[in-house]
Amino acid sequence: GALYRVYVRIRPFAKEFLEEMSKHFEIVLFTASLQKYADPLLDLLDKSHCIRSRLFRRHCTYLSSSGAFVKDLSRMGRQMSDIFLIDNSPLSYSLQPENGVPCTSFIDDPSDTELKDIIPFLIELAKSHDVRNDTKKWKRHFNVMYQNRSKEKMESKK
């Protein structure tokens, strides 16, 4: 086996986000990545052990119709009214779209504040009797926020 050096950019506020969210939620990280790639990165990111469980590609459901691995939250053994998934791909939560909380993809923007911006909403969501009723609020806010950020980026390129 060859040894490869990999460079990763951590999204701004990721560690603070995990620490704050662990006060309000059981954090289960659910990725479509293979465990052998994800575990070393998560070990570096989560030195405080905020993440209680890790789920990987082998825990995903493969949809042959789209050729994608999706995250089927019903397999987690939790009440659907208490569980949500933050993901940059709506396809990931397509089996339970009402439990999805969208976010943008992170490439390498040191001015990104999305994780910090979502914290107040999620703290309120922790008080919800059924998260599915409240994720709609974030989706509306997210759509407006995303449109505004897209406009700002376009204008800054002029």
C-alpha atoms as a PDB file:
ATOM      1  CA  GLY A   1       0.000   0.000   0.000  1.00  0.00           C
ATOM      2  CA  ALA A   2       1.075   3.475  -0.888  1.00  0.00           C
ATOM      3  CA  LEU A   3       1.083   6.237   1.708  1.00  0.00           C
ATOM      4  CA  TYR A   4      -0.649   9.475   0.721  1.00  0.00           C
ATOM      5  CA  ARG A   5      -0.545  12.864   2.370  1.00  0.00           C
ATOM      6  CA  VAL A   6      -3.956  14.517   2.437  1.00  0.00           C
ATOM      7  CA  TYR A   7      -4.717  18.164   3.174  1.00  0.00           C
ATOM      8  CA  VAL A   8      -8.055  19.167   4.619  1.00  0.00           C
ATOM      9  CA  ARG A   9      -9.537  22.578   5.324  1.00  0.00           C
ATOM     10  CA  ILE A  10     -11.773  22.662   8.369  1.00  0.00           C
ATOM     11  CA  ARG A  11     -14.806  24.863   7.999  1.00  0.00           C
ATOM     12  CA  PRO A  12     -14.589  27.976  10.184  1.00  0.00           C
ATOM     13  CA  PHE A  13     -16.325  27.537  13.545  1.00  0.00           C
ATOM     14  CA  ALA A  14     -16.544  23.733  13.143  1.00  0.00           C
ATOM     15  CA  LYS A  15     -15.020  22.960  16.538  1.00  0.00           C
ATOM     16  CA  GLU A  16     -17.057  25.645  18.305  1.00  0.00           C
ATOM     17  CA  PHE A  17     -20.167  24.374  16.545  1.00  0.00           C
ATOM     18  CA  LEU A  18     -19.597  20.805  17.748  1.00  0.00           C
ATOM     19  CA  GLU A  19     -18.897  21.922  21.303  1.00  0.00           C
ATOM     20  CA  GLU A  20     -22.028  24.086  21.479  1.00  0.00           C
ATOM     21  CA  MET A  21     -24.293  21.541  19.804  1.00  0.00           C
ATOM     22  CA  SER A  22     -23.104  18.762  22.119  1.00  0.00           C
ATOM     23  CA  LYS A  23     -24.686  20.727  24.988  1.00  0.00           C
ATOM     24  CA  HIS A  24     -28.110  20.424  23.321  1.00  0.00           C
ATOM     25  CA  PHE A  25     -28.037  17.254  21.194  1.00  0.00           C
ATOM     26  CA  GLU A  26     -26.690  13.765  20.837  1.00  0.00           C
ATOM     27  CA  ILE A  27     -24.386  14.318  17.869  1.00  0.00           C
ATOM     28  CA  VAL A  28     -24.189  11.454  15.403  1.00  0.00           C
ATOM     29  CA  LEU A  29     -21.962  12.136  12.442  1.00  0.00           C
ATOM     30  CA  PHE A  30     -23.389  10.473   9.339  1.00  0.00           C
ATOM     31  CA  THR A  31     -21.194  10.551   6.242  1.00  0.00           C
ATOM     32  CA  ALA A  32     -21.330   8.758   2.920  1.00  0.00           C
ATOM     33  CA  SER A  33     -17.542   8.506   3.075  1.00  0.00           C
ATOM     34  CA  LEU A  34     -15.727   5.298   3.799  1.00  0.00           C
ATOM     35  CA  GLN A  35     -14.783   4.803   7.440  1.00  0.00           C
ATOM     36  CA  LYS A  36     -11.078   4.397   6.660  1.00  0.00           C
ATOM     37  CA  TYR A  37     -11.033   7.955   5.239  1.00  0.00           C
ATOM     38  CA  ALA A  38     -13.425   9.642   7.646  1.00  0.00           C
ATOM     39  CA  ASP A  39     -12.181   8.307  10.986  1.00  0.00           C
ATOM     40  CA  PRO A  40      -8.696   9.886  10.879  1.00  0.00           C
ATOM     41  CA  LEU A  41     -10.191  13.276   9.984  1.00  0.00           C
ATOM     42  CA  LEU A  42     -12.836  13.042  12.692  1.00  0.00           C
ATOM     43  CA  ASP A  43     -10.210  12.048  15.240  1.00  0.00           C
ATOM     44  CA  LEU A  44      -8.389  15.308  14.484  1.00  0.00           C
ATOM     45  CA  LEU A  45     -11.522  17.447  14.378  1.00  0.00           C
ATOM     46  CA  ASP A  46     -13.262  16.107  17.471  1.00  0.00           C
ATOM     47  CA  LYS A  47     -10.609  15.958  20.163  1.00  0.00           C
ATOM     48  CA  SER A  48     -13.253  16.903  22.770  1.00  0.00           C
ATOM     49  CA  HIS A  49     -15.353  13.844  21.827  1.00  0.00           C
ATOM     50  CA  CYS A  50     -18.501  15.844  21.096  1.00  0.00           C
ATOM     51  CA  ILE A  51     -19.551  13.315  18.464  1.00  0.00           C
ATOM     52  CA  ARG A  52     -21.174  10.359  20.242  1.00  0.00           C
ATOM     53  CA  SER A  53     -21.478   8.048  17.235  1.00  0.00           C
ATOM     54  CA  ARG A  54     -20.194   7.834  13.692  1.00  0.00           C
ATOM     55  CA  LEU A  55     -22.043   6.355  10.739  1.00  0.00           C
ATOM     56  CA  PHE A  56     -20.385   5.765   7.381  1.00  0.00           C
ATOM     57  CA  ARG A  57     -21.168   4.661   3.827  1.00  0.00           C
ATOM     58  CA  ARG A  58     -21.911   1.121   4.996  1.00  0.00           C
ATOM     59  CA  HIS A  59     -24.772   2.583   7.062  1.00  0.00           C
ATOM     60  CA  CYS A  60     -26.236   4.415   4.056  1.00  0.00           C
ATOM     61  CA  THR A  61     -28.954   3.149   1.762  1.00  0.00           C
ATOM     62  CA  TYR A  62     -28.003   2.810  -1.876  1.00  0.00           C
ATOM     63  CA  LEU A  63     -30.624   4.120  -4.302  1.00  0.00           C
ATOM     64  CA  SER A  64     -30.088   2.435  -7.639  1.00  0.00           C
ATOM     65  CA  SER A  65     -32.465   4.919  -9.288  1.00  0.00           C
ATOM     66  CA  SER A  66     -30.039   7.784  -8.627  1.00  0.00           C
ATOM     67  CA  GLY A  67     -26.838   5.828  -8.040  1.00  0.00           C
ATOM     68  CA  ALA A  68     -26.434   7.600  -4.714  1.00  0.00           C
ATOM     69  CA  PHE A  69     -25.902   6.675  -1.106  1.00  0.00           C
ATOM     70  CA  VAL A  70     -28.535   8.334   1.075  1.00  0.00           C
ATOM     71  CA  LYS A  71     -28.850   8.652   4.830  1.00  0.00           C
ATOM     72  CA  ASP A  72     -31.975   6.829   5.954  1.00  0.00           C
ATOM     73  CA  LEU A  73     -32.702   8.330   9.352  1.00  0.00           C
ATOM     74  CA  SER A  74     -35.360   5.712  10.096  1.00  0.00           C
ATOM     75  CA  ARG A  75     -32.550   3.181  10.584  1.00  0.00           C
ATOM     76  CA  MET A  76     -31.192   5.095  13.572  1.00  0.00           C
ATOM     77  CA  GLY A  77     -33.753   3.817  16.072  1.00  0.00           C
ATOM     78  CA  ARG A  78     -34.868   7.299  17.141  1.00  0.00           C
ATOM     79  CA  GLN A  79     -38.227   9.046  16.978  1.00  0.00           C
ATOM     80  CA  MET A  80     -38.429  10.931  13.680  1.00  0.00           C
ATOM     81  CA  SER A  81     -39.850  13.916  15.571  1.00  0.00           C
ATOM     82  CA  ASP A  82     -36.526  14.219  17.450  1.00  0.00           C
ATOM     83  CA  ILE A  83     -33.987  13.740  14.685  1.00  0.00           C
ATOM     84  CA  PHE A  84     -32.628  15.970  11.933  1.00  0.00           C
ATOM     85  CA  LEU A  85     -29.776  15.878   9.469  1.00  0.00           C
ATOM     86  CA  ILE A  86     -27.662  18.863   8.453  1.00  0.00           C
ATOM     87  CA  ASP A  87     -26.322  18.220   4.967  1.00  0.00           C
ATOM     88  CA  ASN A  88     -25.179  20.093   1.883  1.00  0.00           C
ATOM     89  CA  SER A  89     -26.962  17.631  -0.394  1.00  0.00           C
ATOM     90  CA  PRO A  90     -30.768  17.417  -0.274  1.00  0.00           C
ATOM     91  CA  LEU A  91     -30.412  13.992  -1.883  1.00  0.00           C
ATOM     92  CA  SER A  92     -28.814  12.782   1.361  1.00  0.00           C
ATOM     93  CA  TYR A  93     -32.034  13.328   3.304  1.00  0.00           C
ATOM     94  CA  SER A  94     -34.416  12.629   0.421  1.00  0.00           C
ATOM     95  CA  LEU A  95     -36.046   9.698   2.259  1.00  0.00           C
ATOM     96  CA  GLN A  96     -37.028  12.055   5.096  1.00  0.00           C
ATOM     97  CA  PRO A  97     -36.965  15.545   3.558  1.00  0.00           C
ATOM     98  CA  GLU A  98     -38.870  17.085   6.464  1.00  0.00           C
ATOM     99  CA  ASN A  99     -35.961  16.118   8.739  1.00  0.00           C
ATOM    100  CA  GLY A 100     -33.354  17.789   6.545  1.00  0.00           C
ATOM    101  CA  VAL A 101     -31.591  21.026   7.423  1.00  0.00           C
ATOM    102  CA  PRO A 102     -29.699  22.353   4.395  1.00  0.00           C
ATOM    103  CA  CYS A 103     -26.280  23.939   4.444  1.00  0.00           C
ATOM    104  CA  THR A 104     -23.938  25.009   1.696  1.00  0.00           C
ATOM    105  CA  SER A 105     -20.877  23.090   0.586  1.00  0.00           C
ATOM    106  CA  PHE A 106     -17.601  24.276   2.036  1.00  0.00           C
ATOM    107  CA  ILE A 107     -14.633  24.532  -0.291  1.00  0.00           C
ATOM    108  CA  ASP A 108     -12.175  27.023   1.168  1.00  0.00           C
ATOM    109  CA  ASP A 109     -13.688  30.290   2.317  1.00  0.00           C
ATOM    110  CA  PRO A 110     -12.047  31.601   5.486  1.00  0.00           C
ATOM    111  CA  SER A 111     -14.862  34.166   5.842  1.00  0.00           C
ATOM    112  CA  ASP A 112     -17.541  31.435   5.984  1.00  0.00           C
ATOM    113  CA  THR A 113     -19.793  31.851   9.044  1.00  0.00           C
ATOM    114  CA  GLU A 114     -22.544  29.368   8.249  1.00  0.00           C
ATOM    115  CA  LEU A 115     -21.910  27.062  11.211  1.00  0.00           C
ATOM    116  CA  LYS A 116     -21.900  30.030  13.585  1.00  0.00           C
ATOM    117  CA  ASP A 117     -25.031  31.445  11.924  1.00  0.00           C
ATOM    118  CA  ILE A 118     -27.062  28.255  12.347  1.00  0.00           C
ATOM    119  CA  ILE A 119     -26.365  27.847  16.087  1.00  0.00           C
ATOM    120  CA  PRO A 120     -29.242  30.058  17.357  1.00  0.00           C
ATOM    121  CA  PHE A 121     -31.738  28.229  15.124  1.00  0.00           C
ATOM    122  CA  LEU A 122     -30.542  24.829  16.333  1.00  0.00           C
ATOM    123  CA  ILE A 123     -30.690  25.856  19.987  1.00  0.00           C
ATOM    124  CA  GLU A 124     -34.344  26.764  19.393  1.00  0.00           C
ATOM    125  CA  LEU A 125     -34.854  23.502  17.518  1.00  0.00           C
ATOM    126  CA  ALA A 126     -33.660  21.635  20.626  1.00  0.00           C
ATOM    127  CA  LYS A 127     -36.816  22.864  22.392  1.00  0.00           C
ATOM    128  CA  SER A 128     -39.148  21.649  19.632  1.00  0.00           C
ATOM    129  CA  HIS A 129     -41.687  18.878  20.201  1.00  0.00           C
ATOM    130  CA  ASP A 130     -41.362  17.885  16.536  1.00  0.00           C
ATOM    131  CA  VAL A 131     -38.322  19.108  14.601  1.00  0.00           C
ATOM    132  CA  ARG A 132     -40.070  18.444  11.298  1.00  0.00           C
ATOM    133  CA  ASN A 133     -42.375  21.404  11.914  1.00  0.00           C
ATOM    134  CA  ASP A 134     -39.455  23.737  12.530  1.00  0.00           C
ATOM    135  CA  THR A 135     -36.987  22.681   9.844  1.00  0.00           C
ATOM    136  CA  LYS A 136     -39.238  24.487   7.344  1.00  0.00           C
ATOM    137  CA  LYS A 137     -38.349  27.802   9.021  1.00  0.00           C
ATOM    138  CA  TRP A 138     -34.642  27.197   8.483  1.00  0.00           C
ATOM    139  CA  LYS A 139     -35.198  26.154   4.866  1.00  0.00           C
ATOM    140  CA  ARG A 140     -36.950  29.463   4.152  1.00  0.00           C
ATOM    141  CA  HIS A 141     -34.222  31.425   5.950  1.00  0.00           C
ATOM    142  CA  PHE A 142     -31.488  29.380   4.263  1.00  0.00           C
ATOM    143  CA  ASN A 143     -32.924  30.008   0.784  1.00  0.00           C
ATOM    144  CA  VAL A 144     -32.944  33.772   1.364  1.00  0.00           C
ATOM    145  CA  MET A 145     -29.488  33.727   2.951  1.00  0.00           C
ATOM    146  CA  TYR A 146     -28.054  31.596   0.138  1.00  0.00           C
ATOM    147  CA  GLN A 147     -29.515  33.889  -2.542  1.00  0.00           C
ATOM    148  CA  ASN A 148     -28.063  36.949  -0.791  1.00  0.00           C
ATOM    149  CA  ARG A 149     -24.621  35.352  -0.474  1.00  0.00           C
ATOM    150  CA  SER A 150     -24.685  34.335  -4.127  1.00  0.00           C
ATOM    151  CA  LYS A 151     -25.481  37.917  -5.129  1.00  0.00           C
ATOM    152  CA  GLU A 152     -22.697  39.263  -2.912  1.00  0.00           C
ATOM    153  CA  LYS A 153     -20.150  36.887  -4.447  1.00  0.00           C
ATOM    154  CA  MET A 154     -21.242  37.810  -7.979  1.00  0.00           C
ATOM    155  CA  GLU A 155     -20.955  41.526  -7.193  1.00  0.00           C
ATOM    156  CA  SER A 156     -17.519  41.112  -5.607  1.00  0.00           C
ATOM    157  CA  LYS A 157     -16.244  39.477  -8.811  1.00  0.00           C
ATOM    158  CA  LYS A 158     -17.207  42.523 -10.905  1.00  0.00           C
END
